Amino acid sequence: MPVRMAAPPLRPGRRPASSAAFAFTTVAVAAWVACSSSAFVFAPGRGALAPSLAAPGRTVVALRAEPTRLEAPPSDAELQEDGGIDPRPIKRFKPKREIRGSLCYARRELNEESDRLRPYIVPLLEKQLSVKEIAFVLNRIGAKLRPLLFKPRLGLPIFTEHKVRRLLRRARTPNGRLIKYARPNWLPPGAPGAPYPDTMYDVYAEVPPLGSSPSPPAKEEAPAAEESPAAEE
């Protein structure tokens, strides 16, 4: 007896709920497109969309921009003032000595400080004063020199020996630093025969000139006393 083969299972159809939702969505989109296309029509000669007669109450959407007046281009002089001379400006390199707070900036300020105080220190060095004596003289006029300092001290004295020594070391001359012209503290001022450095001049004691001493001036003779009349008798 022949055996019948089982037929393959049929493909199940789509669900009725999903089919209905898809059909509803398609109809809604088609209706919205139809309403949108019929609501606005192009009005020739006006450059804008006018409402259709089939859809009264619709708003007009203006597509043409409002008329504006063109601005005059700036002159070459104005462009040169705004843009500068460089046609292709770029970010310039800023050295460290111009950046506040850096070590190079502080060194530059201290060097300029020593140059500002040079007119007050050089005359004192010409008198062969020591660092301690220079600090004393500068403190006498400290109220005048305080604005010339980079970062002055809060209290007194305004100039210490360390500060004066640093000022002399920073000030440069063609023959060296100014510290070379200061008299050492252990040498007395204006002492004849003292071992002063080569940058200072020697001091000699005042002595009379050598040689025969000049003859003393002749004394004037006293006038003869007048004889009394009793002696004449």
C-alpha atoms as a PDB file:
ATOM      1  CA  MET A   1       0.000   0.000   0.000  1.00  0.00           C
ATOM      2  CA  PRO A   2       1.642   3.312  -1.065  1.00  0.00           C
ATOM      3  CA  VAL A   3       2.702   5.748   1.687  1.00  0.00           C
ATOM      4  CA  ARG A   4       1.589   9.383   1.267  1.00  0.00           C
ATOM      5  CA  MET A   5       4.165  12.078   1.959  1.00  0.00           C
ATOM      6  CA  ALA A   6       3.137  14.812   4.363  1.00  0.00           C
ATOM      7  CA  ALA A   7       2.699  18.191   2.665  1.00  0.00           C
ATOM      8  CA  PRO A   8       4.997  21.024   3.856  1.00  0.00           C
ATOM      9  CA  PRO A   9       3.403  23.484   6.243  1.00  0.00           C
ATOM     10  CA  LEU A  10       1.971  26.547   4.580  1.00  0.00           C
ATOM     11  CA  ARG A  11       3.504  30.002   5.328  1.00  0.00           C
ATOM     12  CA  PRO A  12       1.356  31.706   7.869  1.00  0.00           C
ATOM     13  CA  GLY A  13      -0.203  34.912   6.630  1.00  0.00           C
ATOM     14  CA  ARG A  14       0.233  38.388   8.128  1.00  0.00           C
ATOM     15  CA  ARG A  15      -1.601  39.276  11.240  1.00  0.00           C
ATOM     16  CA  PRO A  16      -4.771  41.246  10.632  1.00  0.00           C
ATOM     17  CA  ALA A  17      -3.898  43.836  13.295  1.00  0.00           C
ATOM     18  CA  SER A  18      -0.523  44.771  11.761  1.00  0.00           C
ATOM     19  CA  SER A  19      -2.012  44.902   8.270  1.00  0.00           C
ATOM     20  CA  ALA A  20      -4.730  47.257   9.404  1.00  0.00           C
ATOM     21  CA  ALA A  21      -2.208  49.556  11.160  1.00  0.00           C
ATOM     22  CA  PHE A  22      -0.009  49.715   8.069  1.00  0.00           C
ATOM     23  CA  ALA A  23      -2.960  50.528   5.848  1.00  0.00           C
ATOM     24  CA  PHE A  24      -4.164  53.265   8.211  1.00  0.00           C
ATOM     25  CA  THR A  25      -0.699  54.869   8.331  1.00  0.00           C
ATOM     26  CA  THR A  26      -0.440  54.836   4.533  1.00  0.00           C
ATOM     27  CA  VAL A  27      -3.828  56.496   4.113  1.00  0.00           C
ATOM     28  CA  ALA A  28      -2.995  59.181   6.714  1.00  0.00           C
ATOM     29  CA  VAL A  29       0.296  60.105   5.033  1.00  0.00           C
ATOM     30  CA  ALA A  30      -1.355  60.301   1.613  1.00  0.00           C
ATOM     31  CA  ALA A  31      -4.107  62.545   2.963  1.00  0.00           C
ATOM     32  CA  TRP A  32      -1.582  64.894   4.645  1.00  0.00           C
ATOM     33  CA  VAL A  33       0.444  65.227   1.430  1.00  0.00           C
ATOM     34  CA  ALA A  34      -2.686  65.982  -0.567  1.00  0.00           C
ATOM     35  CA  CYS A  35      -3.803  68.673   1.878  1.00  0.00           C
ATOM     36  CA  SER A  36      -0.357  70.287   1.966  1.00  0.00           C
ATOM     37  CA  SER A  37      -0.021  70.441  -1.801  1.00  0.00           C
ATOM     38  CA  SER A  38      -3.489  71.898  -2.270  1.00  0.00           C
ATOM     39  CA  ALA A  39      -3.221  74.442   0.538  1.00  0.00           C
ATOM     40  CA  PHE A  40      -0.602  76.640  -1.115  1.00  0.00           C
ATOM     41  CA  VAL A  41      -0.134  77.527  -4.755  1.00  0.00           C
ATOM     42  CA  PHE A  42       2.436  79.744  -6.395  1.00  0.00           C
ATOM     43  CA  ALA A  43       1.187  83.178  -7.316  1.00  0.00           C
ATOM     44  CA  PRO A  44       3.049  84.313 -10.435  1.00  0.00           C
ATOM     45  CA  GLY A  45       4.275  87.870 -10.449  1.00  0.00           C
ATOM     46  CA  ARG A  46       4.333  88.242  -6.676  1.00  0.00           C
ATOM     47  CA  GLY A  47       7.228  86.010  -5.746  1.00  0.00           C
ATOM     48  CA  ALA A  48       5.392  84.368  -2.836  1.00  0.00           C
ATOM     49  CA  LEU A  49       2.977  81.545  -2.074  1.00  0.00           C
ATOM     50  CA  ALA A  50      -0.673  82.563  -1.848  1.00  0.00           C
ATOM     51  CA  PRO A  51      -3.393  80.567  -0.134  1.00  0.00           C
ATOM     52  CA  SER A  52      -5.446  78.323  -2.387  1.00  0.00           C
ATOM     53  CA  LEU A  53      -9.114  78.944  -2.964  1.00  0.00           C
ATOM     54  CA  ALA A  54      -9.817  75.361  -2.027  1.00  0.00           C
ATOM     55  CA  ALA A  55      -8.341  75.849   1.451  1.00  0.00           C
ATOM     56  CA  PRO A  56      -9.468  79.196   2.858  1.00  0.00           C
ATOM     57  CA  GLY A  57      -8.010  80.447   6.138  1.00  0.00           C
ATOM     58  CA  ARG A  58      -4.468  79.283   5.415  1.00  0.00           C
ATOM     59  CA  THR A  59      -1.539  81.615   6.212  1.00  0.00           C
ATOM     60  CA  VAL A  60       0.770  82.961   3.555  1.00  0.00           C
ATOM     61  CA  VAL A  61       4.399  81.925   3.707  1.00  0.00           C
ATOM     62  CA  ALA A  62       6.678  84.679   2.320  1.00  0.00           C
ATOM     63  CA  LEU A  63       9.722  83.434   0.505  1.00  0.00           C
ATOM     64  CA  ARG A  64      11.046  86.751  -0.789  1.00  0.00           C
ATOM     65  CA  ALA A  65      13.510  88.575   1.485  1.00  0.00           C
ATOM     66  CA  GLU A  66      12.817  92.129   2.533  1.00  0.00           C
ATOM     67  CA  PRO A  67      14.629  94.806   0.532  1.00  0.00           C
ATOM     68  CA  THR A  68      17.843  95.992   2.217  1.00  0.00           C
ATOM     69  CA  ARG A  69      20.321  98.712   1.356  1.00  0.00           C
ATOM     70  CA  LEU A  70      23.834  97.565   0.600  1.00  0.00           C
ATOM     71  CA  GLU A  71      26.540  99.007   2.810  1.00  0.00           C
ATOM     72  CA  ALA A  72      29.445 100.816   1.227  1.00  0.00           C
ATOM     73  CA  PRO A  73      32.724  98.911   1.460  1.00  0.00           C
ATOM     74  CA  PRO A  74      35.325 100.367   3.862  1.00  0.00           C
ATOM     75  CA  SER A  75      38.078 102.501   2.454  1.00  0.00           C
ATOM     76  CA  ASP A  76      41.690 101.415   2.213  1.00  0.00           C
ATOM     77  CA  ALA A  77      42.677 103.735   5.071  1.00  0.00           C
ATOM     78  CA  GLU A  78      40.140 102.133   7.417  1.00  0.00           C
ATOM     79  CA  LEU A  79      41.247  98.656   6.427  1.00  0.00           C
ATOM     80  CA  GLN A  80      44.871  99.591   7.050  1.00  0.00           C
ATOM     81  CA  GLU A  81      44.071 100.972  10.517  1.00  0.00           C
ATOM     82  CA  ASP A  82      42.057  97.905  11.504  1.00  0.00           C
ATOM     83  CA  GLY A  83      44.292  95.277   9.978  1.00  0.00           C
ATOM     84  CA  GLY A  84      47.683  96.879  10.495  1.00  0.00           C
ATOM     85  CA  ILE A  85      50.685  96.834   8.205  1.00  0.00           C
ATOM     86  CA  ASP A  86      51.252  93.090   8.259  1.00  0.00           C
ATOM     87  CA  PRO A  87      48.998  91.511   5.578  1.00  0.00           C
ATOM     88  CA  ARG A  88      49.241  88.084   7.211  1.00  0.00           C
ATOM     89  CA  PRO A  89      49.305  88.621  10.976  1.00  0.00           C
ATOM     90  CA  ILE A  90      50.353  85.670  13.069  1.00  0.00           C
ATOM     91  CA  LYS A  91      50.954  85.097  16.743  1.00  0.00           C
ATOM     92  CA  ARG A  92      54.311  86.639  17.531  1.00  0.00           C
ATOM     93  CA  PHE A  93      56.799  84.996  19.852  1.00  0.00           C
ATOM     94  CA  LYS A  94      56.866  86.643  23.280  1.00  0.00           C
ATOM     95  CA  PRO A  95      60.212  86.335  25.057  1.00  0.00           C
ATOM     96  CA  LYS A  96      60.386  85.237  28.669  1.00  0.00           C
ATOM     97  CA  ARG A  97      61.704  88.613  29.820  1.00  0.00           C
ATOM     98  CA  GLU A  98      58.313  90.149  28.944  1.00  0.00           C
ATOM     99  CA  ILE A  99      56.215  87.503  30.725  1.00  0.00           C
ATOM    100  CA  ARG A 100      55.401  88.697  34.229  1.00  0.00           C
ATOM    101  CA  GLY A 101      56.224  86.185  36.934  1.00  0.00           C
ATOM    102  CA  SER A 102      59.059  84.446  35.086  1.00  0.00           C
ATOM    103  CA  LEU A 103      62.671  84.405  36.262  1.00  0.00           C
ATOM    104  CA  CYS A 104      63.879  86.275  33.170  1.00  0.00           C
ATOM    105  CA  TYR A 105      61.324  89.018  33.837  1.00  0.00           C
ATOM    106  CA  ALA A 106      62.591  89.494  37.410  1.00  0.00           C
ATOM    107  CA  ARG A 107      66.218  89.627  36.244  1.00  0.00           C
ATOM    108  CA  ARG A 108      65.402  92.252  33.643  1.00  0.00           C
ATOM    109  CA  GLU A 109      63.607  94.385  36.238  1.00  0.00           C
ATOM    110  CA  LEU A 110      66.547  94.125  38.657  1.00  0.00           C
ATOM    111  CA  ASN A 111      69.008  95.169  35.955  1.00  0.00           C
ATOM    112  CA  GLU A 112      66.862  98.174  35.116  1.00  0.00           C
ATOM    113  CA  GLU A 113      66.659  98.976  38.827  1.00  0.00           C
ATOM    114  CA  SER A 114      70.451  99.140  39.102  1.00  0.00           C
ATOM    115  CA  ASP A 115      70.578 101.432  36.062  1.00  0.00           C
ATOM    116  CA  ARG A 116      68.034 103.787  37.638  1.00  0.00           C
ATOM    117  CA  LEU A 117      70.097 104.058  40.835  1.00  0.00           C
ATOM    118  CA  ARG A 118      73.430 104.444  39.036  1.00  0.00           C
ATOM    119  CA  PRO A 119      73.381 108.302  39.103  1.00  0.00           C
ATOM    120  CA  TYR A 120      73.146 108.193  42.911  1.00  0.00           C
ATOM    121  CA  ILE A 121      75.755 105.474  43.477  1.00  0.00           C
ATOM    122  CA  VAL A 122      78.548 106.557  41.118  1.00  0.00           C
ATOM    123  CA  PRO A 123      79.286 109.872  42.954  1.00  0.00           C
ATOM    124  CA  LEU A 124      79.607 107.923  46.205  1.00  0.00           C
ATOM    125  CA  LEU A 125      82.059 105.494  44.636  1.00  0.00           C
ATOM    126  CA  GLU A 126      84.158 108.393  43.403  1.00  0.00           C
ATOM    127  CA  LYS A 127      84.550 109.401  47.054  1.00  0.00           C
ATOM    128  CA  GLN A 128      85.847 105.872  47.822  1.00  0.00           C
ATOM    129  CA  LEU A 129      83.019 104.938  50.166  1.00  0.00           C
ATOM    130  CA  SER A 130      82.453 101.377  51.320  1.00  0.00           C
ATOM    131  CA  VAL A 131      79.280  99.338  50.879  1.00  0.00           C
ATOM    132  CA  LYS A 132      78.221 100.066  54.440  1.00  0.00           C
ATOM    133  CA  GLU A 133      78.719 103.802  53.989  1.00  0.00           C
ATOM    134  CA  ILE A 134      76.854 103.789  50.661  1.00  0.00           C
ATOM    135  CA  ALA A 135      73.896 102.035  52.297  1.00  0.00           C
ATOM    136  CA  PHE A 136      73.871 104.691  55.031  1.00  0.00           C
ATOM    137  CA  VAL A 137      73.840 107.548  52.509  1.00  0.00           C
ATOM    138  CA  LEU A 138      71.110 105.969  50.383  1.00  0.00           C
ATOM    139  CA  ASN A 139      68.906 105.417  53.433  1.00  0.00           C
ATOM    140  CA  ARG A 140      69.116 109.135  54.223  1.00  0.00           C
ATOM    141  CA  ILE A 141      67.308 109.785  50.927  1.00  0.00           C
ATOM    142  CA  GLY A 142      65.344 106.522  50.953  1.00  0.00           C
ATOM    143  CA  ALA A 143      61.940 108.231  50.611  1.00  0.00           C
ATOM    144  CA  LYS A 144      63.106 109.737  47.322  1.00  0.00           C
ATOM    145  CA  LEU A 145      64.646 106.527  45.962  1.00  0.00           C
ATOM    146  CA  ARG A 146      61.932 104.111  47.066  1.00  0.00           C
ATOM    147  CA  PRO A 147      59.802 104.546  43.875  1.00  0.00           C
ATOM    148  CA  LEU A 148      62.854 103.573  41.793  1.00  0.00           C
ATOM    149  CA  LEU A 149      63.080 100.092  43.330  1.00  0.00           C
ATOM    150  CA  PHE A 150      61.555  97.019  41.678  1.00  0.00           C
ATOM    151  CA  LYS A 151      60.207  95.443  44.878  1.00  0.00           C
ATOM    152  CA  PRO A 152      61.096  97.654  47.878  1.00  0.00           C
ATOM    153  CA  ARG A 153      61.200  96.287  51.402  1.00  0.00           C
ATOM    154  CA  LEU A 154      58.153  96.748  53.599  1.00  0.00           C
ATOM    155  CA  GLY A 155      60.028  98.073  56.608  1.00  0.00           C
ATOM    156  CA  LEU A 156      63.224  99.915  57.403  1.00  0.00           C
ATOM    157  CA  PRO A 157      65.962 100.193  56.388  1.00  0.00           C
ATOM    158  CA  ILE A 158      65.114 100.546  52.725  1.00  0.00           C
ATOM    159  CA  PHE A 159      68.673  99.752  51.601  1.00  0.00           C
ATOM    160  CA  THR A 160      70.609  97.014  53.359  1.00  0.00           C
ATOM    161  CA  GLU A 161      74.239  96.112  52.764  1.00  0.00           C
ATOM    162  CA  HIS A 162      73.143  93.028  50.855  1.00  0.00           C
ATOM    163  CA  LYS A 163      70.860  95.133  48.629  1.00  0.00           C
ATOM    164  CA  VAL A 164      73.596  97.676  47.880  1.00  0.00           C
ATOM    165  CA  ARG A 165      76.089  94.921  47.117  1.00  0.00           C
ATOM    166  CA  ARG A 166      73.657  93.320  44.661  1.00  0.00           C
ATOM    167  CA  LEU A 167      73.065  96.683  42.986  1.00  0.00           C
ATOM    168  CA  LEU A 168      76.798  97.187  42.527  1.00  0.00           C
ATOM    169  CA  ARG A 169      77.217  93.692  41.080  1.00  0.00           C
ATOM    170  CA  ARG A 170      74.471  94.170  38.505  1.00  0.00           C
ATOM    171  CA  ALA A 171      75.631  97.586  37.269  1.00  0.00           C
ATOM    172  CA  ARG A 172      78.023  97.132  34.348  1.00  0.00           C
ATOM    173  CA  THR A 173      80.753  99.428  33.057  1.00  0.00           C
ATOM    174  CA  PRO A 174      83.287  99.089  30.218  1.00  0.00           C
ATOM    175  CA  ASN A 175      85.933  98.263  32.844  1.00  0.00           C
ATOM    176  CA  GLY A 176      83.837  95.852  34.907  1.00  0.00           C
ATOM    177  CA  ARG A 177      81.135  95.934  37.545  1.00  0.00           C
ATOM    178  CA  LEU A 178      80.720  98.789  40.000  1.00  0.00           C
ATOM    179  CA  ILE A 179      81.478  96.485  42.916  1.00  0.00           C
ATOM    180  CA  LYS A 180      85.159  96.726  41.959  1.00  0.00           C
ATOM    181  CA  TYR A 181      85.196 100.447  42.796  1.00  0.00           C
ATOM    182  CA  ALA A 182      83.823 100.103  46.336  1.00  0.00           C
ATOM    183  CA  ARG A 183      86.307 100.408  49.180  1.00  0.00           C
ATOM    184  CA  PRO A 184      86.641  97.240  51.293  1.00  0.00           C
ATOM    185  CA  ASN A 185      85.055  97.537  54.716  1.00  0.00           C
ATOM    186  CA  TRP A 186      88.257  96.563  56.514  1.00  0.00           C
ATOM    187  CA  LEU A 187      90.236  99.480  55.033  1.00  0.00           C
ATOM    188  CA  PRO A 188      89.956 102.938  56.638  1.00  0.00           C
ATOM    189  CA  PRO A 189      88.918 105.897  54.492  1.00  0.00           C
ATOM    190  CA  GLY A 190      91.702 108.165  53.247  1.00  0.00           C
ATOM    191  CA  ALA A 191      94.506 106.272  54.995  1.00  0.00           C
ATOM    192  CA  PRO A 192      98.004 106.987  53.649  1.00  0.00           C
ATOM    193  CA  GLY A 193      99.823 103.793  52.750  1.00  0.00           C
ATOM    194  CA  ALA A 194      96.721 101.584  52.970  1.00  0.00           C
ATOM    195  CA  PRO A 195      96.674  98.683  50.454  1.00  0.00           C
ATOM    196  CA  TYR A 196      93.827  99.991  48.340  1.00  0.00           C
ATOM    197  CA  PRO A 197      92.881  98.014  45.201  1.00  0.00           C
ATOM    198  CA  ASP A 198      94.023  99.129  41.772  1.00  0.00           C
ATOM    199  CA  THR A 199      90.663 100.693  40.984  1.00  0.00           C
ATOM    200  CA  MET A 200      91.151 103.233  43.802  1.00  0.00           C
ATOM    201  CA  TYR A 201      93.663 106.031  44.024  1.00  0.00           C
ATOM    202  CA  ASP A 202      96.259 106.163  46.784  1.00  0.00           C
ATOM    203  CA  VAL A 203      96.196 108.745  49.536  1.00  0.00           C
ATOM    204  CA  TYR A 204      99.302 110.520  50.771  1.00  0.00           C
ATOM    205  CA  ALA A 205      99.862 112.498  53.951  1.00  0.00           C
ATOM    206  CA  GLU A 206     100.368 116.211  53.734  1.00  0.00           C
ATOM    207  CA  VAL A 207     104.036 116.992  54.442  1.00  0.00           C
ATOM    208  CA  PRO A 208     105.955 120.250  54.031  1.00  0.00           C
ATOM    209  CA  PRO A 209     108.161 120.535  50.959  1.00  0.00           C
ATOM    210  CA  LEU A 210     111.758 119.335  51.341  1.00  0.00           C
ATOM    211  CA  GLY A 211     114.748 121.723  51.156  1.00  0.00           C
ATOM    212  CA  SER A 212     116.169 124.734  53.077  1.00  0.00           C
ATOM    213  CA  SER A 213     113.612 126.573  55.054  1.00  0.00           C
ATOM    214  CA  PRO A 214     113.143 130.190  54.000  1.00  0.00           C
ATOM    215  CA  SER A 215     114.826 132.875  56.134  1.00  0.00           C
ATOM    216  CA  PRO A 216     112.508 134.467  58.650  1.00  0.00           C
ATOM    217  CA  PRO A 217     111.435 138.012  57.827  1.00  0.00           C
ATOM    218  CA  ALA A 218     113.567 140.825  59.301  1.00  0.00           C
ATOM    219  CA  LYS A 219     112.180 142.408  62.400  1.00  0.00           C
ATOM    220  CA  GLU A 220     111.532 146.115  62.256  1.00  0.00           C
ATOM    221  CA  GLU A 221     113.681 148.182  64.677  1.00  0.00           C
ATOM    222  CA  ALA A 222     111.776 149.969  67.374  1.00  0.00           C
ATOM    223  CA  PRO A 223     112.010 153.789  67.149  1.00  0.00           C
ATOM    224  CA  ALA A 224     114.414 155.437  69.638  1.00  0.00           C
ATOM    225  CA  ALA A 225     112.794 156.762  72.773  1.00  0.00           C
ATOM    226  CA  GLU A 226     112.614 160.505  72.995  1.00  0.00           C
ATOM    227  CA  GLU A 227     114.940 161.997  75.626  1.00  0.00           C
ATOM    228  CA  SER A 228     113.177 163.600  78.481  1.00  0.00           C
ATOM    229  CA  PRO A 229     113.803 167.357  79.103  1.00  0.00           C
ATOM    230  CA  ALA A 230     115.301 166.603  82.545  1.00  0.00           C
ATOM    231  CA  ALA A 231     118.059 164.537  80.980  1.00  0.00           C
ATOM    232  CA  GLU A 232     118.892 167.327  78.542  1.00  0.00           C
ATOM    233  CA  GLU A 233     119.445 169.744  81.416  1.00  0.00           C
END
